[in-house]
Structures are given as C-alpha cells and as structure tokens.
Amino acid sequence: MRFRRGLSVSELLRTKEAKSFTATWHSMALAHRLCRLPRLLPLAAAAAASKPYLPGKPSPAPPPPLSSPPPFPSLSRLFSTTPSSSGDSSMVVVGSAESFTSIMSKVEAEKLPAVFYYTAVWCGPCRAMAPVISKLSSQYPKIPIYKVDIDMDGVGSKLSDLKIFSVPTFHFYYQGRKTGEVVGANATKLESTMESLHKQL
C-alpha cells in the first residue's frame, strides 16, 4: 500500500521511527545538559567567590572650601610690654622704643638682673631658639628676659650704640652693667650664661 506521496507503509513507519528517535535524542541531550547544570553551579559559585570584589569607583567628594588664613597679628600685639602668658615665665615683650629705653634705664639705675633678647620676625635662628628661651624663662623666673624686635620703630638708632650687628643676640645685665653676651643660636652657651647669672643673685 502506498500513499499519495509514494511512501510505503514500511517506509512511513521508518520515517516515523526516525522522527521519534530524533525527538528522543534531543530530549536526552537536553536532559544531559540539565543534569550537568547542578554540577556546574558549585564550580561557578566557587569561581565567583575566588574573584575579588571590585566595587565601582565612588564619585570623588568635592574638596572642602578653602578657608582664609587667620590674619597675622600686628606688631603692637606681638611686642606689647606685657609678661608672657606661659605660666611663671619671665619673658617680657617690649612694645615700643620708649618702653625699651625706660626698661634699660631702670635696669642700669636699680642694678637689676636682666637679659635683653634682640630678635626679628624674619629671623630663622631666632625661631629655632624659641623653645630654649621659653624653657629658660620658666626655669629662672627671677631673671626677666626682655624681648626686643630690632625692626621696631625708634629702636634701630640704638642698635649701633649697643653693638648689635646680628640676631639673635642676648645681653646679660648684673649690678647695672652688661656682664655677658651670646650671639647666634648657641643654646649651650645661652644656658650656661643664664645659669652663671642666676648663681650671682
């Protein structure tokens, strides 16, 4: 028996069997891939866990607004004739040429012990000596240290008489006259000279 397409029953059966086999093979192949999937999941999870987590780069934070620097204190505040505020410090900052002349006259007339510290704002060695001077002013509170800025108005004319040609310069007074001098940032000599003046009191 043949059909209109010219296929016999046996050929038709073979064709149906072939189609059935093909469908079965595709189903088995799909089932084979699905069976492998559970075994691949742990491997994929392990591979993902072994990779470092790289988060996206956060957007840079905007820079903080620039604040204006604090105003530099005026010379009248830096060199006012007042004791330093560091506890029992004997440091006295001379505020004017008139004050300097008055203090110098009093030290000479009353034969008082004193140290005159000649300095300048722009002087690097003077800034380097600041901790040493601060320590000495606290260590010897009975010996006043008068800090004089050589750039202060009216002081320059007196520097040549005092033979001050560089800063820092320290003049030591005892019994109304100059007994010692230290020129430059020589901390060892400054400390020994200060101790010698203290022993004379």
Protein backbone atom coordinates (compact mmCIF):
# COMPACT_ATOMS: atom_id res chain seq x y z
CA MET A 1 0.00 0.00 0.00
CA ARG A 2 1.38 3.34 -0.96
CA PHE A 3 0.21 6.79 -0.05
CA ARG A 4 -0.11 9.76 -2.28
CA ARG A 5 3.45 10.82 -1.50
CA GLY A 6 4.71 7.49 -2.84
CA LEU A 7 5.80 6.09 0.55
CA SER A 8 5.09 2.56 1.58
CA VAL A 9 3.82 1.65 4.99
CA SER A 10 7.19 0.30 5.99
CA GLU A 11 8.92 3.48 4.80
CA LEU A 12 6.35 5.57 6.57
CA LEU A 13 6.92 3.62 9.77
CA ARG A 14 10.66 4.03 9.37
CA THR A 15 10.12 7.77 8.87
CA LYS A 16 8.00 7.97 12.00
CA GLU A 17 10.59 5.95 13.91
CA ALA A 18 13.29 8.31 12.69
CA LYS A 19 11.32 11.32 13.81
CA SER A 20 10.59 9.65 17.13
CA PHE A 21 14.28 8.77 17.54
CA THR A 22 15.30 12.32 16.70
CA ALA A 23 12.86 13.76 19.25
CA THR A 24 14.03 11.24 21.82
CA TRP A 25 17.69 12.08 21.14
CA HIS A 26 17.01 15.81 21.52
CA SER A 27 15.16 15.13 24.79
CA MET A 28 18.05 13.03 26.08
CA ALA A 29 20.56 15.62 25.03
CA LEU A 30 18.57 18.34 26.79
CA ALA A 31 18.24 16.13 29.86
CA HIS A 32 22.02 15.55 29.74
CA ARG A 33 22.69 19.31 29.75
CA LEU A 34 20.26 19.86 32.61
CA CYS A 35 21.89 17.09 34.63
CA ARG A 36 25.23 18.81 34.27
CA LEU A 37 23.83 22.11 35.47
CA PRO A 38 23.75 21.25 39.20
CA ARG A 39 27.38 20.14 38.99
CA LEU A 40 28.34 23.40 37.29
CA LEU A 41 26.64 25.64 39.85
CA PRO A 42 29.10 24.95 42.70
CA LEU A 43 32.00 25.48 40.30
CA ALA A 44 30.54 28.74 39.09
CA ALA A 45 29.91 29.85 42.68
CA ALA A 46 33.48 28.96 43.66
CA ALA A 47 34.86 30.81 40.66
CA ALA A 48 32.81 33.87 41.54
CA ALA A 49 33.95 33.67 45.15
CA SER A 50 37.60 33.47 44.09
CA LYS A 51 37.35 36.70 42.13
CA PRO A 52 37.94 39.84 44.17
CA TYR A 53 35.00 42.12 44.52
CA LEU A 54 35.72 45.31 42.67
CA PRO A 55 33.16 47.91 43.57
CA GLY A 56 32.62 50.79 41.25
CA LYS A 57 34.68 53.84 41.91
CA PRO A 58 32.69 56.26 44.01
CA SER A 59 32.39 59.75 42.72
CA PRO A 60 35.08 61.95 44.25
CA ALA A 61 33.90 64.09 47.09
CA PRO A 62 34.03 67.80 46.41
CA PRO A 63 37.05 69.49 48.01
CA PRO A 64 36.35 71.36 51.23
CA PRO A 65 36.06 75.09 50.84
CA LEU A 66 39.28 76.94 51.36
CA SER A 67 39.22 78.96 54.50
CA SER A 68 41.10 82.20 54.59
CA PRO A 69 44.22 82.09 56.80
CA PRO A 70 43.99 83.83 60.13
CA PRO A 71 45.24 87.38 59.99
CA PHE A 72 48.80 87.85 61.13
CA PRO A 73 48.86 89.69 64.44
CA SER A 74 50.06 93.23 64.34
CA LEU A 75 53.44 94.19 65.70
CA SER A 76 51.79 96.07 68.53
CA ARG A 77 50.26 92.79 69.73
CA LEU A 78 53.42 90.78 69.16
CA PHE A 79 55.61 93.23 71.03
CA SER A 80 53.48 94.63 73.80
CA THR A 81 55.19 95.30 77.11
CA THR A 82 53.45 92.51 78.95
CA PRO A 83 54.69 89.30 80.55
CA SER A 84 54.32 86.13 78.55
CA SER A 85 51.22 84.06 79.32
CA SER A 86 53.14 80.77 79.69
CA GLY A 87 52.73 80.21 83.43
CA ASP A 88 55.62 81.59 85.54
CA SER A 89 57.62 82.67 82.50
CA SER A 90 59.83 85.70 82.97
CA MET A 91 59.56 86.72 79.31
CA VAL A 92 58.52 90.34 78.75
CA VAL A 93 57.82 91.52 75.22
CA VAL A 94 58.86 95.14 74.69
CA GLY A 95 56.18 97.03 72.76
CA SER A 96 57.81 100.34 71.84
CA ALA A 97 61.10 102.19 71.67
CA GLU A 98 60.01 104.33 74.63
CA SER A 99 59.37 101.22 76.71
CA PHE A 100 62.74 99.81 75.75
CA THR A 101 64.53 103.00 76.81
CA SER A 102 62.62 103.10 80.09
CA ILE A 103 63.37 99.45 80.91
CA MET A 104 67.04 99.80 80.07
CA SER A 105 67.36 102.91 82.26
CA LYS A 106 65.63 101.14 85.17
CA VAL A 107 67.85 98.05 84.91
CA GLU A 108 71.01 100.20 84.93
CA ALA A 109 69.86 102.58 87.65
CA GLU A 110 68.45 99.98 90.04
CA LYS A 111 71.14 97.40 89.25
CA LEU A 112 68.62 94.73 88.39
CA PRO A 113 69.45 91.37 86.82
CA ALA A 114 68.06 91.13 83.29
CA VAL A 115 68.52 89.61 79.87
CA PHE A 116 67.80 91.57 76.70
CA TYR A 117 66.90 89.32 73.79
CA TYR A 118 67.26 91.09 70.42
CA THR A 119 65.38 89.34 67.64
CA ALA A 120 63.35 89.81 64.44
CA VAL A 121 60.22 88.27 62.98
CA TRP A 122 62.04 87.20 59.81
CA CYS A 123 64.97 85.58 61.71
CA GLY A 124 65.09 81.78 61.27
CA PRO A 125 67.69 81.10 64.02
CA CYS A 126 65.57 83.20 66.38
CA ARG A 127 62.58 80.92 65.79
CA ALA A 128 64.83 77.89 66.32
CA MET A 129 65.87 79.28 69.72
CA ALA A 130 62.31 79.96 70.86
CA PRO A 131 61.89 76.66 72.78
CA VAL A 132 65.20 77.19 74.59
CA ILE A 133 64.29 80.74 75.60
CA SER A 134 60.86 79.62 76.75
CA LYS A 135 62.42 76.93 78.92
CA LEU A 136 64.95 79.34 80.46
CA SER A 137 62.30 81.95 81.19
CA SER A 138 60.34 79.34 83.17
CA GLN A 139 63.43 77.87 84.80
CA TYR A 140 64.68 81.25 86.06
CA PRO A 141 61.54 83.29 86.83
CA LYS A 142 63.52 85.85 88.86
CA ILE A 143 65.53 86.92 85.81
CA PRO A 144 63.36 88.87 83.37
CA ILE A 145 64.03 88.32 79.68
CA TYR A 146 63.12 91.38 77.62
CA LYS A 147 62.33 90.52 74.02
CA VAL A 148 63.14 93.40 71.67
CA ASP A 149 62.30 93.45 67.96
CA ILE A 150 65.10 95.24 66.13
CA ASP A 151 62.68 96.36 63.40
CA MET A 152 60.52 98.25 65.84
CA ASP A 153 60.24 101.98 65.14
CA GLY A 154 62.81 104.04 67.04
CA VAL A 155 64.98 101.07 68.12
CA GLY A 156 67.28 100.97 65.11
CA SER A 157 69.14 104.11 66.17
CA LYS A 158 70.08 102.46 69.48
CA LEU A 159 71.41 99.22 67.99
CA SER A 160 74.77 100.66 66.97
CA ASP A 161 75.33 102.03 70.49
CA LEU A 162 74.57 98.58 71.91
CA LYS A 163 76.86 96.96 69.28
CA ILE A 164 74.14 94.68 67.93
CA PHE A 165 75.06 93.61 64.43
CA SER A 166 73.18 90.32 64.12
CA VAL A 167 70.27 88.43 65.64
CA PRO A 168 69.63 86.63 67.84
CA THR A 169 71.77 88.50 70.35
CA PHE A 170 71.48 88.20 74.13
CA HIS A 171 72.84 90.76 76.60
CA PHE A 172 73.11 89.81 80.27
CA TYR A 173 72.99 92.51 82.95
CA TYR A 174 74.02 92.32 86.57
CA GLN A 175 74.58 95.14 89.02
CA GLY A 176 73.60 97.71 86.42
CA ARG A 177 76.11 96.74 83.73
CA LYS A 178 76.43 94.25 80.94
CA THR A 179 78.28 91.16 82.13
CA GLY A 180 77.74 88.69 79.29
CA GLU A 181 76.79 88.33 75.65
CA VAL A 182 75.66 85.45 73.43
CA VAL A 183 75.46 85.97 69.67
CA GLY A 184 73.75 83.47 67.42
CA ALA A 185 71.70 80.33 68.04
CA ASN A 186 74.09 78.82 70.59
CA ALA A 187 71.80 77.05 73.05
CA THR A 188 74.63 75.57 75.15
CA LYS A 189 76.32 78.91 75.73
CA LEU A 190 73.00 80.60 76.38
CA GLU A 191 72.08 78.07 79.07
CA SER A 192 75.47 78.25 80.78
CA THR A 193 75.50 82.05 80.78
CA MET A 194 71.97 82.13 82.20
CA GLU A 195 72.98 79.71 84.95
CA SER A 196 76.02 81.83 85.81
CA LEU A 197 73.85 84.93 86.16
CA HIS A 198 71.41 83.01 88.36
CA LYS A 199 74.24 81.93 90.71
CA GLN A 200 75.22 85.56 91.25
CA LEU A 201 71.81 86.52 92.65
